[in-house]
Structure formats: C-alpha cells, structure tokens
Amino acid sequence: MKKFGLLLAGGIAAIILLSSIGPMIGLLVGLAVLYFIFKQFLKSESTGGKIVLGIIGFFVLMASIHNAPAIIGVVAAYVLYLVYKNWNSSKKTVVKEESDPFVNFEKQWHELNKN
C-alpha cells in the first residue's frame, strides 16, 4: 500500500513538473538577466545609466514574476526527490551492541542459563 501511495504521489509530481518546465526555464533566464543587470547597476557611475538599468531591471523583474508557476514546479521536483529517496527505504531498526562489559556479561549469562 505504501508503494502505491509513493507511485501515485510520484506520478502526480512528475506530471506537474513536466507541465511547469517552460515557466521554470523562463524564471531561470529572467533571474539570470536580472542578476547581470544588477551587477551592471552597481558598476555604473553615471546617474543616467543607473536610471536606464533600473527601468530595464524593473521590466525584467515583472517578466520574471509572471513565471511564478515555476515555484510549483520546484516543489513538485522536491516531492519527486522525496518519493525517489523513500522508494526502497524500509523501517528496520538497527540493534546497537553496547560496549559495556557488564551488559555483555549479563546478556551472555542469561543465554547460558537458557540452555
């Protein structure tokens, strides 16, 4: 039953991820252009250059905001990663042997008394 739930969640996440690839690429390109505009804005020494770069940066920021569905795609990619990570995991408890000699002695003494 757990595998079915993981398969269902993974399938839905994969469909959402594939449908939002376009906005994700658009957001990535927009943020990269915005980064370079910001770097040039900091380097610019003239006031006119800063105004022009600020206006261009504003328009690129508005274009990037229109790619907001890309955030849903990123969440779907994360869910897909979690499904992949939990697919083969099993809940096995690991019994840790204690290194205390008295505990080991008591355990061995108990095993000897069983026989």
C-alpha atoms as a PDB file:
ATOM      1  CA  MET A   1       0.000   0.000   0.000  1.00  0.00           C
ATOM      2  CA  LYS A   2       2.895   2.323   0.775  1.00  0.00           C
ATOM      3  CA  LYS A   3       4.402   1.709  -2.664  1.00  0.00           C
ATOM      4  CA  PHE A   4       1.086   2.558  -4.307  1.00  0.00           C
ATOM      5  CA  GLY A   5       0.935   5.871  -2.443  1.00  0.00           C
ATOM      6  CA  LEU A   6       4.511   6.665  -3.404  1.00  0.00           C
ATOM      7  CA  LEU A   7       3.789   5.744  -7.021  1.00  0.00           C
ATOM      8  CA  LEU A   8       0.697   7.945  -7.072  1.00  0.00           C
ATOM      9  CA  ALA A   9       2.498  10.913  -5.473  1.00  0.00           C
ATOM     10  CA  GLY A  10       5.460  10.455  -7.798  1.00  0.00           C
ATOM     11  CA  GLY A  11       3.238  10.289 -10.866  1.00  0.00           C
ATOM     12  CA  ILE A  12       1.353  13.439  -9.931  1.00  0.00           C
ATOM     13  CA  ALA A  13       4.613  15.249  -9.106  1.00  0.00           C
ATOM     14  CA  ALA A  14       6.134  14.157 -12.427  1.00  0.00           C
ATOM     15  CA  ILE A  15       3.137  15.438 -14.394  1.00  0.00           C
ATOM     16  CA  ILE A  16       3.219  18.778 -12.565  1.00  0.00           C
ATOM     17  CA  LEU A  17       6.981  19.029 -13.082  1.00  0.00           C
ATOM     18  CA  LEU A  18       6.704  18.340 -16.801  1.00  0.00           C
ATOM     19  CA  SER A  19       3.899  20.860 -17.206  1.00  0.00           C
ATOM     20  CA  SER A  20       5.879  23.607 -15.493  1.00  0.00           C
ATOM     21  CA  ILE A  21       9.204  23.144 -17.309  1.00  0.00           C
ATOM     22  CA  GLY A  22       8.513  26.199 -19.512  1.00  0.00           C
ATOM     23  CA  PRO A  23       7.896  28.626 -16.643  1.00  0.00           C
ATOM     24  CA  MET A  24      10.908  27.203 -14.789  1.00  0.00           C
ATOM     25  CA  ILE A  25      13.185  27.907 -17.752  1.00  0.00           C
ATOM     26  CA  GLY A  26      11.645  31.368 -18.160  1.00  0.00           C
ATOM     27  CA  LEU A  27      12.163  32.152 -14.485  1.00  0.00           C
ATOM     28  CA  LEU A  28      15.752  30.923 -14.636  1.00  0.00           C
ATOM     29  CA  VAL A  29      16.554  33.067 -17.675  1.00  0.00           C
ATOM     30  CA  GLY A  30      14.777  36.088 -16.192  1.00  0.00           C
ATOM     31  CA  LEU A  31      16.628  35.817 -12.888  1.00  0.00           C
ATOM     32  CA  ALA A  32      19.962  35.384 -14.681  1.00  0.00           C
ATOM     33  CA  VAL A  33      19.339  38.529 -16.757  1.00  0.00           C
ATOM     34  CA  LEU A  34      18.207  40.368 -13.627  1.00  0.00           C
ATOM     35  CA  TYR A  35      21.410  39.334 -11.855  1.00  0.00           C
ATOM     36  CA  PHE A  36      23.599  40.709 -14.641  1.00  0.00           C
ATOM     37  CA  ILE A  37      21.575  43.929 -14.777  1.00  0.00           C
ATOM     38  CA  PHE A  38      22.012  44.329 -11.014  1.00  0.00           C
ATOM     39  CA  LYS A  39      25.783  43.768 -11.300  1.00  0.00           C
ATOM     40  CA  GLN A  40      25.974  46.414 -14.053  1.00  0.00           C
ATOM     41  CA  PHE A  41      23.801  48.734 -11.965  1.00  0.00           C
ATOM     42  CA  LEU A  42      26.320  48.539  -9.119  1.00  0.00           C
ATOM     43  CA  LYS A  43      29.254  49.142 -11.506  1.00  0.00           C
ATOM     44  CA  SER A  44      27.618  52.089 -13.263  1.00  0.00           C
ATOM     45  CA  GLU A  45      28.804  55.514 -12.158  1.00  0.00           C
ATOM     46  CA  SER A  46      26.519  57.752 -14.189  1.00  0.00           C
ATOM     47  CA  THR A  47      23.058  58.615 -12.969  1.00  0.00           C
ATOM     48  CA  GLY A  48      21.538  58.200 -16.430  1.00  0.00           C
ATOM     49  CA  GLY A  49      22.991  54.693 -16.728  1.00  0.00           C
ATOM     50  CA  LYS A  50      21.603  53.747 -13.327  1.00  0.00           C
ATOM     51  CA  ILE A  51      18.147  55.038 -14.293  1.00  0.00           C
ATOM     52  CA  VAL A  52      18.150  53.095 -17.578  1.00  0.00           C
ATOM     53  CA  LEU A  53      19.389  49.913 -15.875  1.00  0.00           C
ATOM     54  CA  GLY A  54      16.795  50.376 -13.126  1.00  0.00           C
ATOM     55  CA  ILE A  55      13.977  50.641 -15.671  1.00  0.00           C
ATOM     56  CA  ILE A  56      15.226  47.616 -17.616  1.00  0.00           C
ATOM     57  CA  GLY A  57      15.632  45.694 -14.358  1.00  0.00           C
ATOM     58  CA  PHE A  58      12.075  46.576 -13.356  1.00  0.00           C
ATOM     59  CA  PHE A  59      10.686  45.232 -16.638  1.00  0.00           C
ATOM     60  CA  VAL A  60      12.747  42.042 -16.350  1.00  0.00           C
ATOM     61  CA  LEU A  61      11.537  41.620 -12.751  1.00  0.00           C
ATOM     62  CA  MET A  62       7.919  41.953 -13.869  1.00  0.00           C
ATOM     63  CA  ALA A  63       8.542  39.381 -16.611  1.00  0.00           C
ATOM     64  CA  SER A  64      10.060  37.026 -14.032  1.00  0.00           C
ATOM     65  CA  ILE A  65       7.093  37.427 -11.706  1.00  0.00           C
ATOM     66  CA  HIS A  66       4.831  36.174 -14.482  1.00  0.00           C
ATOM     67  CA  ASN A  67       6.694  32.869 -14.270  1.00  0.00           C
ATOM     68  CA  ALA A  68       5.503  32.233 -10.705  1.00  0.00           C
ATOM     69  CA  PRO A  69       4.076  28.757 -11.581  1.00  0.00           C
ATOM     70  CA  ALA A  70       7.708  27.677 -11.714  1.00  0.00           C
ATOM     71  CA  ILE A  71       7.685  27.632  -7.904  1.00  0.00           C
ATOM     72  CA  ILE A  72       5.051  24.879  -8.051  1.00  0.00           C
ATOM     73  CA  GLY A  73       7.376  23.007 -10.413  1.00  0.00           C
ATOM     74  CA  VAL A  74      10.241  23.302  -7.946  1.00  0.00           C
ATOM     75  CA  VAL A  75       8.011  21.925  -5.180  1.00  0.00           C
ATOM     76  CA  ALA A  76       6.992  19.058  -7.483  1.00  0.00           C
ATOM     77  CA  ALA A  77      10.659  18.307  -8.166  1.00  0.00           C
ATOM     78  CA  TYR A  78      11.300  18.182  -4.421  1.00  0.00           C
ATOM     79  CA  VAL A  79       8.346  15.817  -3.900  1.00  0.00           C
ATOM     80  CA  LEU A  80       9.667  13.638  -6.708  1.00  0.00           C
ATOM     81  CA  TYR A  81      13.060  13.566  -4.960  1.00  0.00           C
ATOM     82  CA  LEU A  82      11.425  12.517  -1.682  1.00  0.00           C
ATOM     83  CA  VAL A  83       9.487   9.748  -3.431  1.00  0.00           C
ATOM     84  CA  TYR A  84      12.689   8.501  -5.063  1.00  0.00           C
ATOM     85  CA  LYS A  85      14.516   8.609  -1.736  1.00  0.00           C
ATOM     86  CA  ASN A  86      11.766   6.730   0.149  1.00  0.00           C
ATOM     87  CA  TRP A  87      11.039   4.133  -2.540  1.00  0.00           C
ATOM     88  CA  ASN A  88      13.483   1.486  -1.321  1.00  0.00           C
ATOM     89  CA  SER A  89      13.802   2.553   2.295  1.00  0.00           C
ATOM     90  CA  SER A  90      12.476   0.193   4.873  1.00  0.00           C
ATOM     91  CA  LYS A  91      11.868   0.758   8.535  1.00  0.00           C
ATOM     92  CA  LYS A  92      14.378  -1.618  10.031  1.00  0.00           C
ATOM     93  CA  THR A  93      15.637  -0.943  13.490  1.00  0.00           C
ATOM     94  CA  VAL A  94      19.321  -1.409  13.977  1.00  0.00           C
ATOM     95  CA  VAL A  95      20.234  -3.072  17.238  1.00  0.00           C
ATOM     96  CA  LYS A  96      23.363  -1.477  18.570  1.00  0.00           C
ATOM     97  CA  GLU A  97      25.613  -3.684  20.627  1.00  0.00           C
ATOM     98  CA  GLU A  98      26.663  -1.945  23.766  1.00  0.00           C
ATOM     99  CA  SER A  99      30.338  -1.973  24.560  1.00  0.00           C
ATOM    100  CA  ASP A 100      29.817  -2.003  28.310  1.00  0.00           C
ATOM    101  CA  PRO A 101      31.389  -5.279  29.566  1.00  0.00           C
ATOM    102  CA  PHE A 102      28.841  -5.673  32.359  1.00  0.00           C
ATOM    103  CA  VAL A 103      25.910  -5.505  29.965  1.00  0.00           C
ATOM    104  CA  ASN A 104      27.565  -8.067  27.677  1.00  0.00           C
ATOM    105  CA  PHE A 105      28.271 -10.310  30.677  1.00  0.00           C
ATOM    106  CA  GLU A 106      24.659 -10.147  31.800  1.00  0.00           C
ATOM    107  CA  LYS A 107      23.457 -10.967  28.280  1.00  0.00           C
ATOM    108  CA  GLN A 108      25.827 -13.928  27.965  1.00  0.00           C
ATOM    109  CA  TRP A 109      24.933 -15.182  31.448  1.00  0.00           C
ATOM    110  CA  HIS A 110      21.248 -15.027  30.529  1.00  0.00           C
ATOM    111  CA  GLU A 111      21.948 -17.010  27.323  1.00  0.00           C
ATOM    112  CA  LEU A 112      23.884 -19.643  29.289  1.00  0.00           C
ATOM    113  CA  ASN A 113      21.056 -20.069  31.768  1.00  0.00           C
ATOM    114  CA  LYS A 114      18.584 -20.683  28.950  1.00  0.00           C
ATOM    115  CA  ASN A 115      20.493 -23.806  27.870  1.00  0.00           C
END
